[in-house]
């Protein structure tokens, strides 16, 4: 998951989303729009919503989603302790099968923090 550089991941994700929008019909475009709308600030903060997205992705074991939400959590200012606490919930809900993904989350988190210091 953390193998690709973050900028490469973000660029590829944007290009792939643009391709989906090129070929996708109205239903697909509505779904994608709803996906972006649900993470906007509402009664819950954007930080909280990204943590929920990360934990949900962890439990579902979707590597791309985990990577995306980990990056978003970092960009929204999630602390190390907040991240660990949320991931602990994912571990309890998802069980030991989530451990390989948790390793990758922390590896990516470390990379994000290291890149910010450069």
PDB file of N, CA and C in Angstrom:
ATOM      1  N   UNK A   1       0.826  -1.188   0.000  1.00  0.00           N
ATOM      2  CA  UNK A   1       0.000   0.000   0.000  1.00  0.00           C
ATOM      3  C   UNK A   1       0.862   1.239   0.000  1.00  0.00           C
ATOM      4  N   UNK A   2       1.863   1.290   0.843  1.00  0.00           N
ATOM      5  CA  UNK A   2       2.695   2.480   0.911  1.00  0.00           C
ATOM      6  C   UNK A   2       3.809   2.427  -0.127  1.00  0.00           C
ATOM      7  N   UNK A   3       3.808   1.403  -0.981  1.00  0.00           N
ATOM      8  CA  UNK A   3       4.863   1.231  -1.953  1.00  0.00           C
ATOM      9  C   UNK A   3       4.969   2.359  -2.962  1.00  0.00           C
ATOM     10  N   UNK A   4       3.845   2.813  -3.497  1.00  0.00           N
ATOM     11  CA  UNK A   4       3.864   3.907  -4.459  1.00  0.00           C
ATOM     12  C   UNK A   4       4.045   5.222  -3.718  1.00  0.00           C
ATOM     13  N   UNK A   5       4.854   6.119  -4.307  1.00  0.00           N
ATOM     14  CA  UNK A   5       4.928   7.450  -3.694  1.00  0.00           C
ATOM     15  C   UNK A   5       3.538   8.091  -3.620  1.00  0.00           C
ATOM     16  N   UNK A   6       3.338   8.886  -2.601  1.00  0.00           N
ATOM     17  CA  UNK A   6       2.029   9.475  -2.343  1.00  0.00           C
ATOM     18  C   UNK A   6       1.554  10.326  -3.514  1.00  0.00           C
ATOM     19  N   UNK A   7       2.448  11.121  -4.082  1.00  0.00           N
ATOM     20  CA  UNK A   7       2.046  11.965  -5.221  1.00  0.00           C
ATOM     21  C   UNK A   7       1.617  11.121  -6.408  1.00  0.00           C
ATOM     22  N   UNK A   8       2.296  10.005  -6.627  1.00  0.00           N
ATOM     23  CA  UNK A   8       1.933   9.107  -7.719  1.00  0.00           C
ATOM     24  C   UNK A   8       0.550   8.507  -7.469  1.00  0.00           C
ATOM     25  N   UNK A   9       0.314   8.088  -6.240  1.00  0.00           N
ATOM     26  CA  UNK A   9      -0.994   7.538  -5.888  1.00  0.00           C
ATOM     27  C   UNK A   9      -2.094   8.570  -6.139  1.00  0.00           C
ATOM     28  N   UNK A  10      -1.904   9.794  -5.647  1.00  0.00           N
ATOM     29  CA  UNK A  10      -2.919  10.845  -5.805  1.00  0.00           C
ATOM     30  C   UNK A  10      -3.157  11.173  -7.272  1.00  0.00           C
ATOM     31  N   UNK A  11      -2.088  11.257  -8.057  1.00  0.00           N
ATOM     32  CA  UNK A  11      -2.212  11.562  -9.486  1.00  0.00           C
ATOM     33  C   UNK A  11      -2.967  10.442 -10.208  1.00  0.00           C
ATOM     34  N   UNK A  12      -2.584   9.209  -9.931  1.00  0.00           N
ATOM     35  CA  UNK A  12      -3.230   8.066 -10.571  1.00  0.00           C
ATOM     36  C   UNK A  12      -4.715   7.988 -10.197  1.00  0.00           C
ATOM     37  N   UNK A  13      -5.011   8.238  -8.934  1.00  0.00           N
ATOM     38  CA  UNK A  13      -6.406   8.211  -8.468  1.00  0.00           C
ATOM     39  C   UNK A  13      -7.232   9.263  -9.194  1.00  0.00           C
ATOM     40  N   UNK A  14      -6.677  10.464  -9.343  1.00  0.00           N
ATOM     41  CA  UNK A  14      -7.383  11.543 -10.041  1.00  0.00           C
ATOM     42  C   UNK A  14      -7.617  11.176 -11.507  1.00  0.00           C
ATOM     43  N   UNK A  15      -6.585  10.654 -12.157  1.00  0.00           N
ATOM     44  CA  UNK A  15      -6.717  10.246 -13.561  1.00  0.00           C
ATOM     45  C   UNK A  15      -7.770   9.147 -13.723  1.00  0.00           C
ATOM     46  N   UNK A  16      -7.751   8.173 -12.827  1.00  0.00           N
ATOM     47  CA  UNK A  16      -8.728   7.085 -12.911  1.00  0.00           C
ATOM     48  C   UNK A  16     -10.148   7.593 -12.654  1.00  0.00           C
ATOM     49  N   UNK A  17     -10.307   8.504 -11.697  1.00  0.00           N
ATOM     50  CA  UNK A  17     -11.626   9.093 -11.458  1.00  0.00           C
ATOM     51  C   UNK A  17     -12.109   9.867 -12.667  1.00  0.00           C
ATOM     52  N   UNK A  18     -11.207  10.594 -13.318  1.00  0.00           N
ATOM     53  CA  UNK A  18     -11.589  11.325 -14.532  1.00  0.00           C
ATOM     54  C   UNK A  18     -12.037  10.368 -15.639  1.00  0.00           C
ATOM     55  N   UNK A  19     -11.364   9.231 -15.756  1.00  0.00           N
ATOM     56  CA  UNK A  19     -11.748   8.223 -16.749  1.00  0.00           C
ATOM     57  C   UNK A  19     -13.123   7.650 -16.426  1.00  0.00           C
ATOM     58  N   UNK A  20     -13.374   7.383 -15.150  1.00  0.00           N
ATOM     59  CA  UNK A  20     -14.692   6.887 -14.752  1.00  0.00           C
ATOM     60  C   UNK A  20     -15.760   7.918 -15.120  1.00  0.00           C
ATOM     61  N   UNK A  21     -15.487   9.191 -14.867  1.00  0.00           N
ATOM     62  CA  UNK A  21     -16.464  10.251 -15.185  1.00  0.00           C
ATOM     63  C   UNK A  21     -16.678  10.369 -16.690  1.00  0.00           C
ATOM     64  N   UNK A  22     -15.655  10.068 -17.469  1.00  0.00           N
ATOM     65  CA  UNK A  22     -15.774  10.111 -18.927  1.00  0.00           C
ATOM     66  C   UNK A  22     -16.724   9.027 -19.430  1.00  0.00           C
ATOM     67  N   UNK A  23     -16.638   7.850 -18.840  1.00  0.00           N
ATOM     68  CA  UNK A  23     -17.420   6.715 -19.313  1.00  0.00           C
ATOM     69  C   UNK A  23     -18.658   6.428 -18.472  1.00  0.00           C
ATOM     70  N   UNK A  24     -18.674   6.892 -17.245  1.00  0.00           N
ATOM     71  CA  UNK A  24     -19.771   6.576 -16.337  1.00  0.00           C
ATOM     72  C   UNK A  24     -21.060   7.280 -16.708  1.00  0.00           C
ATOM     73  N   UNK A  25     -22.148   6.607 -16.439  1.00  0.00           N
ATOM     74  CA  UNK A  25     -23.467   7.181 -16.652  1.00  0.00           C
ATOM     75  C   UNK A  25     -23.912   8.007 -15.451  1.00  0.00           C
ATOM     76  N   UNK A  26     -25.138   8.478 -15.533  1.00  0.00           N
ATOM     77  CA  UNK A  26     -25.675   9.360 -14.499  1.00  0.00           C
ATOM     78  C   UNK A  26     -25.655   8.715 -13.114  1.00  0.00           C
ATOM     79  N   UNK A  27     -26.035   7.463 -13.008  1.00  0.00           N
ATOM     80  CA  UNK A  27     -26.059   6.786 -11.705  1.00  0.00           C
ATOM     81  C   UNK A  27     -24.673   6.737 -11.082  1.00  0.00           C
ATOM     82  N   UNK A  28     -23.679   6.408 -11.889  1.00  0.00           N
ATOM     83  CA  UNK A  28     -22.317   6.328 -11.382  1.00  0.00           C
ATOM     84  C   UNK A  28     -21.825   7.711 -10.961  1.00  0.00           C
ATOM     85  N   UNK A  29     -22.123   8.723 -11.772  1.00  0.00           N
ATOM     86  CA  UNK A  29     -21.708  10.086 -11.439  1.00  0.00           C
ATOM     87  C   UNK A  29     -22.388  10.569 -10.159  1.00  0.00           C
ATOM     88  N   UNK A  30     -23.626  10.203  -9.974  1.00  0.00           N
ATOM     89  CA  UNK A  30     -24.329  10.568  -8.738  1.00  0.00           C
ATOM     90  C   UNK A  30     -23.700   9.899  -7.528  1.00  0.00           C
ATOM     91  N   UNK A  31     -23.321   8.642  -7.678  1.00  0.00           N
ATOM     92  CA  UNK A  31     -22.681   7.924  -6.575  1.00  0.00           C
ATOM     93  C   UNK A  31     -21.365   8.593  -6.204  1.00  0.00           C
ATOM     94  N   UNK A  32     -20.548   8.905  -7.200  1.00  0.00           N
ATOM     95  CA  UNK A  32     -19.271   9.559  -6.943  1.00  0.00           C
ATOM     96  C   UNK A  32     -19.480  10.912  -6.274  1.00  0.00           C
ATOM     97  N   UNK A  33     -20.501  11.637  -6.696  1.00  0.00           N
ATOM     98  CA  UNK A  33     -20.804  12.937  -6.088  1.00  0.00           C
ATOM     99  C   UNK A  33     -21.219  12.763  -4.629  1.00  0.00           C
ATOM    100  N   UNK A  34     -22.055  11.786  -4.376  1.00  0.00           N
ATOM    101  CA  UNK A  34     -22.488  11.510  -3.010  1.00  0.00           C
ATOM    102  C   UNK A  34     -21.296  11.145  -2.131  1.00  0.00           C
ATOM    103  N   UNK A  35     -20.366  10.363  -2.683  1.00  0.00           N
ATOM    104  CA  UNK A  35     -19.167   9.970  -1.946  1.00  0.00           C
ATOM    105  C   UNK A  35     -18.384  11.201  -1.492  1.00  0.00           C
ATOM    106  N   UNK A  36     -18.206  12.163  -2.366  1.00  0.00           N
ATOM    107  CA  UNK A  36     -17.446  13.359  -1.970  1.00  0.00           C
ATOM    108  C   UNK A  36     -18.252  14.246  -1.022  1.00  0.00           C
ATOM    109  N   UNK A  37     -19.554  14.298  -1.204  1.00  0.00           N
ATOM    110  CA  UNK A  37     -20.396  15.145  -0.348  1.00  0.00           C
ATOM    111  C   UNK A  37     -20.446  14.643   1.095  1.00  0.00           C
ATOM    112  N   UNK A  38     -20.444  13.351   1.278  1.00  0.00           N
ATOM    113  CA  UNK A  38     -20.623  12.790   2.616  1.00  0.00           C
ATOM    114  C   UNK A  38     -19.444  13.101   3.538  1.00  0.00           C
ATOM    115  N   UNK A  39     -18.272  13.396   2.969  1.00  0.00           N
ATOM    116  CA  UNK A  39     -17.096  13.695   3.789  1.00  0.00           C
ATOM    117  C   UNK A  39     -16.951  15.176   4.116  1.00  0.00           C
ATOM    118  N   UNK A  40     -17.857  16.010   3.622  1.00  0.00           N
ATOM    119  CA  UNK A  40     -17.813  17.434   3.955  1.00  0.00           C
ATOM    120  C   UNK A  40     -18.289  17.655   5.383  1.00  0.00           C
ATOM    121  N   UNK A  41     -17.816  18.750   5.962  1.00  0.00           N
ATOM    122  CA  UNK A  41     -18.206  19.088   7.324  1.00  0.00           C
ATOM    123  C   UNK A  41     -19.718  19.207   7.427  1.00  0.00           C
ATOM    124  N   UNK A  42     -20.253  18.605   8.449  1.00  0.00           N
ATOM    125  CA  UNK A  42     -21.671  18.674   8.769  1.00  0.00           C
ATOM    126  C   UNK A  42     -21.778  18.681  10.279  1.00  0.00           C
ATOM    127  N   UNK A  43     -22.646  17.851  10.822  1.00  0.00           N
ATOM    128  CA  UNK A  43     -22.722  17.703  12.278  1.00  0.00           C
ATOM    129  C   UNK A  43     -21.440  17.077  12.811  1.00  0.00           C
ATOM    130  N   UNK A  44     -20.809  16.232  12.001  1.00  0.00           N
ATOM    131  CA  UNK A  44     -19.502  15.663  12.339  1.00  0.00           C
ATOM    132  C   UNK A  44     -18.423  16.450  11.606  1.00  0.00           C
ATOM    133  N   UNK A  45     -17.281  16.583  12.233  1.00  0.00           N
ATOM    134  CA  UNK A  45     -16.167  17.286  11.593  1.00  0.00           C
ATOM    135  C   UNK A  45     -15.609  16.446  10.446  1.00  0.00           C
ATOM    136  N   UNK A  46     -14.881  17.102   9.544  1.00  0.00           N
ATOM    137  CA  UNK A  46     -14.226  16.384   8.454  1.00  0.00           C
ATOM    138  C   UNK A  46     -13.214  15.380   9.009  1.00  0.00           C
ATOM    139  N   UNK A  47     -12.541  15.742  10.101  1.00  0.00           N
ATOM    140  CA  UNK A  47     -11.584  14.835  10.731  1.00  0.00           C
ATOM    141  C   UNK A  47     -12.278  13.552  11.179  1.00  0.00           C
ATOM    142  N   UNK A  48     -13.405  13.699  11.845  1.00  0.00           N
ATOM    143  CA  UNK A  48     -14.144  12.533  12.327  1.00  0.00           C
ATOM    144  C   UNK A  48     -14.611  11.676  11.163  1.00  0.00           C
ATOM    145  N   UNK A  49     -15.098  12.311  10.122  1.00  0.00           N
ATOM    146  CA  UNK A  49     -15.589  11.566   8.961  1.00  0.00           C
ATOM    147  C   UNK A  49     -14.461  10.800   8.276  1.00  0.00           C
ATOM    148  N   UNK A  50     -13.276  11.405   8.205  1.00  0.00           N
ATOM    149  CA  UNK A  50     -12.148  10.697   7.594  1.00  0.00           C
ATOM    150  C   UNK A  50     -11.713   9.506   8.445  1.00  0.00           C
ATOM    151  N   UNK A  51     -11.747   9.665   9.764  1.00  0.00           N
ATOM    152  CA  UNK A  51     -11.428   8.525  10.632  1.00  0.00           C
ATOM    153  C   UNK A  51     -12.443   7.402  10.447  1.00  0.00           C
ATOM    154  N   UNK A  52     -13.712   7.765  10.326  1.00  0.00           N
ATOM    155  CA  UNK A  52     -14.751   6.754  10.079  1.00  0.00           C
ATOM    156  C   UNK A  52     -14.491   6.076   8.735  1.00  0.00           C
ATOM    157  N   UNK A  53     -14.153   6.868   7.725  1.00  0.00           N
ATOM    158  CA  UNK A  53     -13.838   6.307   6.408  1.00  0.00           C
ATOM    159  C   UNK A  53     -12.655   5.362   6.467  1.00  0.00           C
ATOM    160  N   UNK A  54     -11.638   5.747   7.239  1.00  0.00           N
ATOM    161  CA  UNK A  54     -10.458   4.897   7.368  1.00  0.00           C
ATOM    162  C   UNK A  54     -10.795   3.587   8.063  1.00  0.00           C
ATOM    163  N   UNK A  55     -11.515   3.661   9.157  1.00  0.00           N
ATOM    164  CA  UNK A  55     -11.862   2.442   9.892  1.00  0.00           C
ATOM    165  C   UNK A  55     -12.758   1.537   9.041  1.00  0.00           C
ATOM    166  N   UNK A  56     -13.709   2.130   8.344  1.00  0.00           N
ATOM    167  CA  UNK A  56     -14.576   1.332   7.464  1.00  0.00           C
ATOM    168  C   UNK A  56     -13.755   0.645   6.380  1.00  0.00           C
ATOM    169  N   UNK A  57     -12.828   1.374   5.790  1.00  0.00           N
ATOM    170  CA  UNK A  57     -11.976   0.812   4.743  1.00  0.00           C
ATOM    171  C   UNK A  57     -11.073  -0.280   5.290  1.00  0.00           C
ATOM    172  N   UNK A  58     -10.583  -0.081   6.510  1.00  0.00           N
ATOM    173  CA  UNK A  58      -9.750  -1.090   7.157  1.00  0.00           C
ATOM    174  C   UNK A  58     -10.527  -2.382   7.356  1.00  0.00           C
ATOM    175  N   UNK A  59     -11.736  -2.277   7.866  1.00  0.00           N
ATOM    176  CA  UNK A  59     -12.555  -3.459   8.117  1.00  0.00           C
ATOM    177  C   UNK A  59     -12.897  -4.171   6.797  1.00  0.00           C
ATOM    178  N   UNK A  60     -13.105  -3.386   5.741  1.00  0.00           N
ATOM    179  CA  UNK A  60     -13.402  -3.973   4.423  1.00  0.00           C
ATOM    180  C   UNK A  60     -12.134  -4.412   3.688  1.00  0.00           C
ATOM    181  N   UNK A  61     -10.970  -3.995   4.202  1.00  0.00           N
ATOM    182  CA  UNK A  61      -9.664  -4.365   3.662  1.00  0.00           C
ATOM    183  C   UNK A  61      -9.469  -3.901   2.216  1.00  0.00           C
ATOM    184  N   UNK A  62      -9.842  -2.646   1.961  1.00  0.00           N
ATOM    185  CA  UNK A  62      -9.650  -2.043   0.636  1.00  0.00           C
ATOM    186  C   UNK A  62      -8.376  -1.194   0.662  1.00  0.00           C
ATOM    187  N   UNK A  63      -7.305  -1.718   0.066  1.00  0.00           N
ATOM    188  CA  UNK A  63      -6.012  -1.038   0.126  1.00  0.00           C
ATOM    189  C   UNK A  63      -6.050   0.392  -0.409  1.00  0.00           C
ATOM    190  N   UNK A  64      -6.655   0.597  -1.583  1.00  0.00           N
ATOM    191  CA  UNK A  64      -6.720   1.959  -2.144  1.00  0.00           C
ATOM    192  C   UNK A  64      -7.493   2.895  -1.227  1.00  0.00           C
ATOM    193  N   UNK A  65      -8.598   2.421  -0.682  1.00  0.00           N
ATOM    194  CA  UNK A  65      -9.409   3.255   0.215  1.00  0.00           C
ATOM    195  C   UNK A  65      -8.653   3.559   1.502  1.00  0.00           C
ATOM    196  N   UNK A  66      -7.959   2.561   2.026  1.00  0.00           N
ATOM    197  CA  UNK A  66      -7.165   2.754   3.241  1.00  0.00           C
ATOM    198  C   UNK A  66      -6.103   3.817   2.990  1.00  0.00           C
ATOM    199  N   UNK A  67      -5.411   3.702   1.873  1.00  0.00           N
ATOM    200  CA  UNK A  67      -4.358   4.668   1.558  1.00  0.00           C
ATOM    201  C   UNK A  67      -4.953   6.069   1.406  1.00  0.00           C
ATOM    202  N   UNK A  68      -6.036   6.178   0.664  1.00  0.00           N
ATOM    203  CA  UNK A  68      -6.674   7.479   0.456  1.00  0.00           C
ATOM    204  C   UNK A  68      -7.079   8.105   1.790  1.00  0.00           C
ATOM    205  N   UNK A  69      -7.757   7.350   2.632  1.00  0.00           N
ATOM    206  CA  UNK A  69      -8.244   7.911   3.900  1.00  0.00           C
ATOM    207  C   UNK A  69      -7.107   8.182   4.886  1.00  0.00           C
ATOM    208  N   UNK A  70      -6.041   7.396   4.828  1.00  0.00           N
ATOM    209  CA  UNK A  70      -4.884   7.685   5.670  1.00  0.00           C
ATOM    210  C   UNK A  70      -4.279   9.030   5.280  1.00  0.00           C
ATOM    211  N   UNK A  71      -4.124   9.255   3.991  1.00  0.00           N
ATOM    212  CA  UNK A  71      -3.605  10.542   3.509  1.00  0.00           C
ATOM    213  C   UNK A  71      -4.537  11.677   3.914  1.00  0.00           C
ATOM    214  N   UNK A  72      -5.841  11.469   3.747  1.00  0.00           N
ATOM    215  CA  UNK A  72      -6.807  12.506   4.120  1.00  0.00           C
ATOM    216  C   UNK A  72      -6.763  12.793   5.624  1.00  0.00           C
ATOM    217  N   UNK A  73      -6.641  11.746   6.427  1.00  0.00           N
ATOM    218  CA  UNK A  73      -6.536  11.938   7.879  1.00  0.00           C
ATOM    219  C   UNK A  73      -5.323  12.791   8.212  1.00  0.00           C
ATOM    220  N   UNK A  74      -4.214  12.494   7.577  1.00  0.00           N
ATOM    221  CA  UNK A  74      -3.005  13.275   7.825  1.00  0.00           C
ATOM    222  C   UNK A  74      -3.231  14.736   7.422  1.00  0.00           C
ATOM    223  N   UNK A  75      -3.809  14.941   6.251  1.00  0.00           N
ATOM    224  CA  UNK A  75      -4.031  16.303   5.754  1.00  0.00           C
ATOM    225  C   UNK A  75      -5.059  17.069   6.586  1.00  0.00           C
ATOM    226  N   UNK A  76      -5.959  16.368   7.248  1.00  0.00           N
ATOM    227  CA  UNK A  76      -6.963  17.014   8.098  1.00  0.00           C
ATOM    228  C   UNK A  76      -6.440  17.268   9.508  1.00  0.00           C
ATOM    229  N   UNK A  77      -5.207  16.856   9.791  1.00  0.00           N
ATOM    230  CA  UNK A  77      -4.601  17.154  11.083  1.00  0.00           C
ATOM    231  C   UNK A  77      -4.856  16.143  12.178  1.00  0.00           C
ATOM    232  N   UNK A  78      -5.191  14.924  11.806  1.00  0.00           N
ATOM    233  CA  UNK A  78      -5.378  13.858  12.802  1.00  0.00           C
ATOM    234  C   UNK A  78      -4.048  13.644  13.522  1.00  0.00           C
ATOM    235  N   UNK A  79      -4.105  13.461  14.820  1.00  0.00           N
ATOM    236  CA  UNK A  79      -2.896  13.210  15.600  1.00  0.00           C
ATOM    237  C   UNK A  79      -2.557  11.719  15.591  1.00  0.00           C
ATOM    238  N   UNK A  80      -1.335  11.416  16.002  1.00  0.00           N
ATOM    239  CA  UNK A  80      -0.919  10.014  16.119  1.00  0.00           C
ATOM    240  C   UNK A  80      -1.862   9.250  17.047  1.00  0.00           C
ATOM    241  N   UNK A  81      -2.208   9.867  18.166  1.00  0.00           N
ATOM    242  CA  UNK A  81      -3.074   9.204  19.146  1.00  0.00           C
ATOM    243  C   UNK A  81      -4.486   8.996  18.612  1.00  0.00           C
ATOM    244  N   UNK A  82      -5.017   9.975  17.892  1.00  0.00           N
ATOM    245  CA  UNK A  82      -6.355   9.821  17.304  1.00  0.00           C
ATOM    246  C   UNK A  82      -6.361   8.700  16.272  1.00  0.00           C
ATOM    247  N   UNK A  83      -5.310   8.654  15.459  1.00  0.00           N
ATOM    248  CA  UNK A  83      -5.196   7.605  14.450  1.00  0.00           C
ATOM    249  C   UNK A  83      -5.151   6.235  15.106  1.00  0.00           C
ATOM    250  N   UNK A  84      -4.293   6.088  16.109  1.00  0.00           N
ATOM    251  CA  UNK A  84      -4.146   4.794  16.778  1.00  0.00           C
ATOM    252  C   UNK A  84      -5.445   4.357  17.436  1.00  0.00           C
ATOM    253  N   UNK A  85      -6.142   5.289  18.056  1.00  0.00           N
ATOM    254  CA  UNK A  85      -7.397   4.945  18.729  1.00  0.00           C
ATOM    255  C   UNK A  85      -8.450   4.486  17.726  1.00  0.00           C
ATOM    256  N   UNK A  86      -8.538   5.183  16.608  1.00  0.00           N
ATOM    257  CA  UNK A  86      -9.514   4.790  15.578  1.00  0.00           C
ATOM    258  C   UNK A  86      -9.155   3.430  14.982  1.00  0.00           C
ATOM    259  N   UNK A  87      -7.872   3.219  14.703  1.00  0.00           N
ATOM    260  CA  UNK A  87      -7.445   1.938  14.134  1.00  0.00           C
ATOM    261  C   UNK A  87      -7.701   0.800  15.118  1.00  0.00           C
ATOM    262  N   UNK A  88      -7.589   1.071  16.398  1.00  0.00           N
ATOM    263  CA  UNK A  88      -7.894   0.044  17.402  1.00  0.00           C
ATOM    264  C   UNK A  88      -9.341  -0.416  17.306  1.00  0.00           C
ATOM    265  N   UNK A  89     -10.235   0.509  16.995  1.00  0.00           N
ATOM    266  CA  UNK A  89     -11.642   0.132  16.789  1.00  0.00           C
ATOM    267  C   UNK A  89     -11.749  -0.778  15.580  1.00  0.00           C
ATOM    268  N   UNK A  90     -11.048  -0.420  14.493  1.00  0.00           N
ATOM    269  CA  UNK A  90     -11.057  -1.266  13.297  1.00  0.00           C
ATOM    270  C   UNK A  90     -10.512  -2.651  13.569  1.00  0.00           C
ATOM    271  N   UNK A  91      -9.488  -2.737  14.402  1.00  0.00           N
ATOM    272  CA  UNK A  91      -8.921  -4.034  14.761  1.00  0.00           C
ATOM    273  C   UNK A  91      -9.929  -4.879  15.537  1.00  0.00           C
ATOM    274  N   UNK A  92     -10.617  -4.267  16.472  1.00  0.00           N
ATOM    275  CA  UNK A  92     -11.623  -4.997  17.253  1.00  0.00           C
ATOM    276  C   UNK A  92     -12.761  -5.470  16.358  1.00  0.00           C
ATOM    277  N   UNK A  93     -13.230  -4.585  15.481  1.00  0.00           N
ATOM    278  CA  UNK A  93     -14.354  -4.939  14.605  1.00  0.00           C
ATOM    279  C   UNK A  93     -13.928  -5.943  13.538  1.00  0.00           C
ATOM    280  N   UNK A  94     -12.762  -5.710  12.930  1.00  0.00           N
ATOM    281  CA  UNK A  94     -12.323  -6.536  11.810  1.00  0.00           C
ATOM    282  C   UNK A  94     -11.529  -7.761  12.189  1.00  0.00           C
ATOM    283  N   UNK A  95     -10.941  -7.752  13.368  1.00  0.00           N
ATOM    284  CA  UNK A  95     -10.164  -8.902  13.808  1.00  0.00           C
ATOM    285  C   UNK A  95      -8.743  -8.906  13.268  1.00  0.00           C
ATOM    286  N   UNK A  96      -8.064  -9.998  13.524  1.00  0.00           N
ATOM    287  CA  UNK A  96      -6.636 -10.088  13.203  1.00  0.00           C
ATOM    288  C   UNK A  96      -6.355 -10.022  11.702  1.00  0.00           C
ATOM    289  N   UNK A  97      -7.353 -10.272  10.873  1.00  0.00           N
ATOM    290  CA  UNK A  97      -7.163 -10.191   9.417  1.00  0.00           C
ATOM    291  C   UNK A  97      -6.799  -8.775   8.978  1.00  0.00           C
ATOM    292  N   UNK A  98      -7.093  -7.772   9.845  1.00  0.00           N
ATOM    293  CA  UNK A  98      -6.772  -6.384   9.502  1.00  0.00           C
ATOM    294  C   UNK A  98      -5.320  -6.020   9.834  1.00  0.00           C
ATOM    295  N   UNK A  99      -4.610  -6.864  10.549  1.00  0.00           N
ATOM    296  CA  UNK A  99      -3.253  -6.524  10.996  1.00  0.00           C
ATOM    297  C   UNK A  99      -2.314  -6.184   9.833  1.00  0.00           C
ATOM    298  N   UNK A 100      -2.289  -6.935   8.727  1.00  0.00           N
ATOM    299  CA  UNK A 100      -1.404  -6.527   7.626  1.00  0.00           C
ATOM    300  C   UNK A 100      -1.716  -5.120   7.110  1.00  0.00           C
ATOM    301  N   UNK A 101      -2.973  -4.756   7.105  1.00  0.00           N
ATOM    302  CA  UNK A 101      -3.375  -3.425   6.651  1.00  0.00           C
ATOM    303  C   UNK A 101      -2.991  -2.359   7.675  1.00  0.00           C
ATOM    304  N   UNK A 102      -3.076  -2.700   8.940  1.00  0.00           N
ATOM    305  CA  UNK A 102      -2.676  -1.771  10.002  1.00  0.00           C
ATOM    306  C   UNK A 102      -1.182  -1.476   9.887  1.00  0.00           C
ATOM    307  N   UNK A 103      -0.407  -2.499   9.598  1.00  0.00           N
ATOM    308  CA  UNK A 103       1.032  -2.286   9.405  1.00  0.00           C
ATOM    309  C   UNK A 103       1.274  -1.272   8.292  1.00  0.00           C
ATOM    310  N   UNK A 104       0.538  -1.420   7.206  1.00  0.00           N
ATOM    311  CA  UNK A 104       0.692  -0.516   6.058  1.00  0.00           C
ATOM    312  C   UNK A 104       0.223   0.903   6.389  1.00  0.00           C
ATOM    313  N   UNK A 105      -0.822   1.017   7.191  1.00  0.00           N
ATOM    314  CA  UNK A 105      -1.292   2.351   7.599  1.00  0.00           C
ATOM    315  C   UNK A 105      -0.188   3.068   8.355  1.00  0.00           C
ATOM    316  N   UNK A 106       0.390   2.394   9.336  1.00  0.00           N
ATOM    317  CA  UNK A 106       1.431   3.040  10.133  1.00  0.00           C
ATOM    318  C   UNK A 106       2.688   3.316   9.312  1.00  0.00           C
ATOM    319  N   UNK A 107       2.994   2.456   8.361  1.00  0.00           N
ATOM    320  CA  UNK A 107       4.135   2.710   7.470  1.00  0.00           C
ATOM    321  C   UNK A 107       3.876   3.971   6.643  1.00  0.00           C
ATOM    322  N   UNK A 108       2.683   4.078   6.081  1.00  0.00           N
ATOM    323  CA  UNK A 108       2.327   5.267   5.299  1.00  0.00           C
ATOM    324  C   UNK A 108       2.309   6.505   6.186  1.00  0.00           C
ATOM    325  N   UNK A 109       1.771   6.381   7.397  1.00  0.00           N
ATOM    326  CA  UNK A 109       1.712   7.509   8.335  1.00  0.00           C
ATOM    327  C   UNK A 109       3.125   8.028   8.623  1.00  0.00           C
ATOM    328  N   UNK A 110       4.032   7.097   8.857  1.00  0.00           N
ATOM    329  CA  UNK A 110       5.428   7.458   9.110  1.00  0.00           C
ATOM    330  C   UNK A 110       6.017   8.181   7.896  1.00  0.00           C
ATOM    331  N   UNK A 111       5.707   7.703   6.702  1.00  0.00           N
ATOM    332  CA  UNK A 111       6.177   8.326   5.467  1.00  0.00           C
ATOM    333  C   UNK A 111       5.600   9.742   5.304  1.00  0.00           C
ATOM    334  N   UNK A 112       4.330   9.902   5.604  1.00  0.00           N
ATOM    335  CA  UNK A 112       3.703  11.223   5.519  1.00  0.00           C
ATOM    336  C   UNK A 112       4.385  12.202   6.473  1.00  0.00           C
ATOM    337  N   UNK A 113       4.641  11.755   7.684  1.00  0.00           N
ATOM    338  CA  UNK A 113       5.294  12.614   8.672  1.00  0.00           C
ATOM    339  C   UNK A 113       6.727  12.942   8.261  1.00  0.00           C
ATOM    340  N   UNK A 114       7.426  11.963   7.737  1.00  0.00           N
ATOM    341  CA  UNK A 114       8.814  12.175   7.291  1.00  0.00           C
ATOM    342  C   UNK A 114       8.851  13.156   6.129  1.00  0.00           C
ATOM    343  N   UNK A 115       7.942  13.024   5.170  1.00  0.00           N
ATOM    344  CA  UNK A 115       7.908  13.920   4.015  1.00  0.00           C
ATOM    345  C   UNK A 115       7.572  15.347   4.418  1.00  0.00           C
ATOM    346  N   UNK A 116       6.790  15.506   5.467  1.00  0.00           N
ATOM    347  CA  UNK A 116       6.414  16.853   5.931  1.00  0.00           C
ATOM    348  C   UNK A 116       7.615  17.579   6.517  1.00  0.00           C
ATOM    349  N   UNK A 117       8.582  16.836   7.014  1.00  0.00           N
ATOM    350  CA  UNK A 117       9.777  17.443   7.623  1.00  0.00           C
ATOM    351  C   UNK A 117      10.794  17.872   6.577  1.00  0.00           C
ATOM    352  N   UNK A 118      10.656  17.375   5.347  1.00  0.00           N
ATOM    353  CA  UNK A 118      11.623  17.703   4.284  1.00  0.00           C
ATOM    354  C   UNK A 118      11.457  19.109   3.766  1.00  0.00           C
TER     355      UNK A 118
END
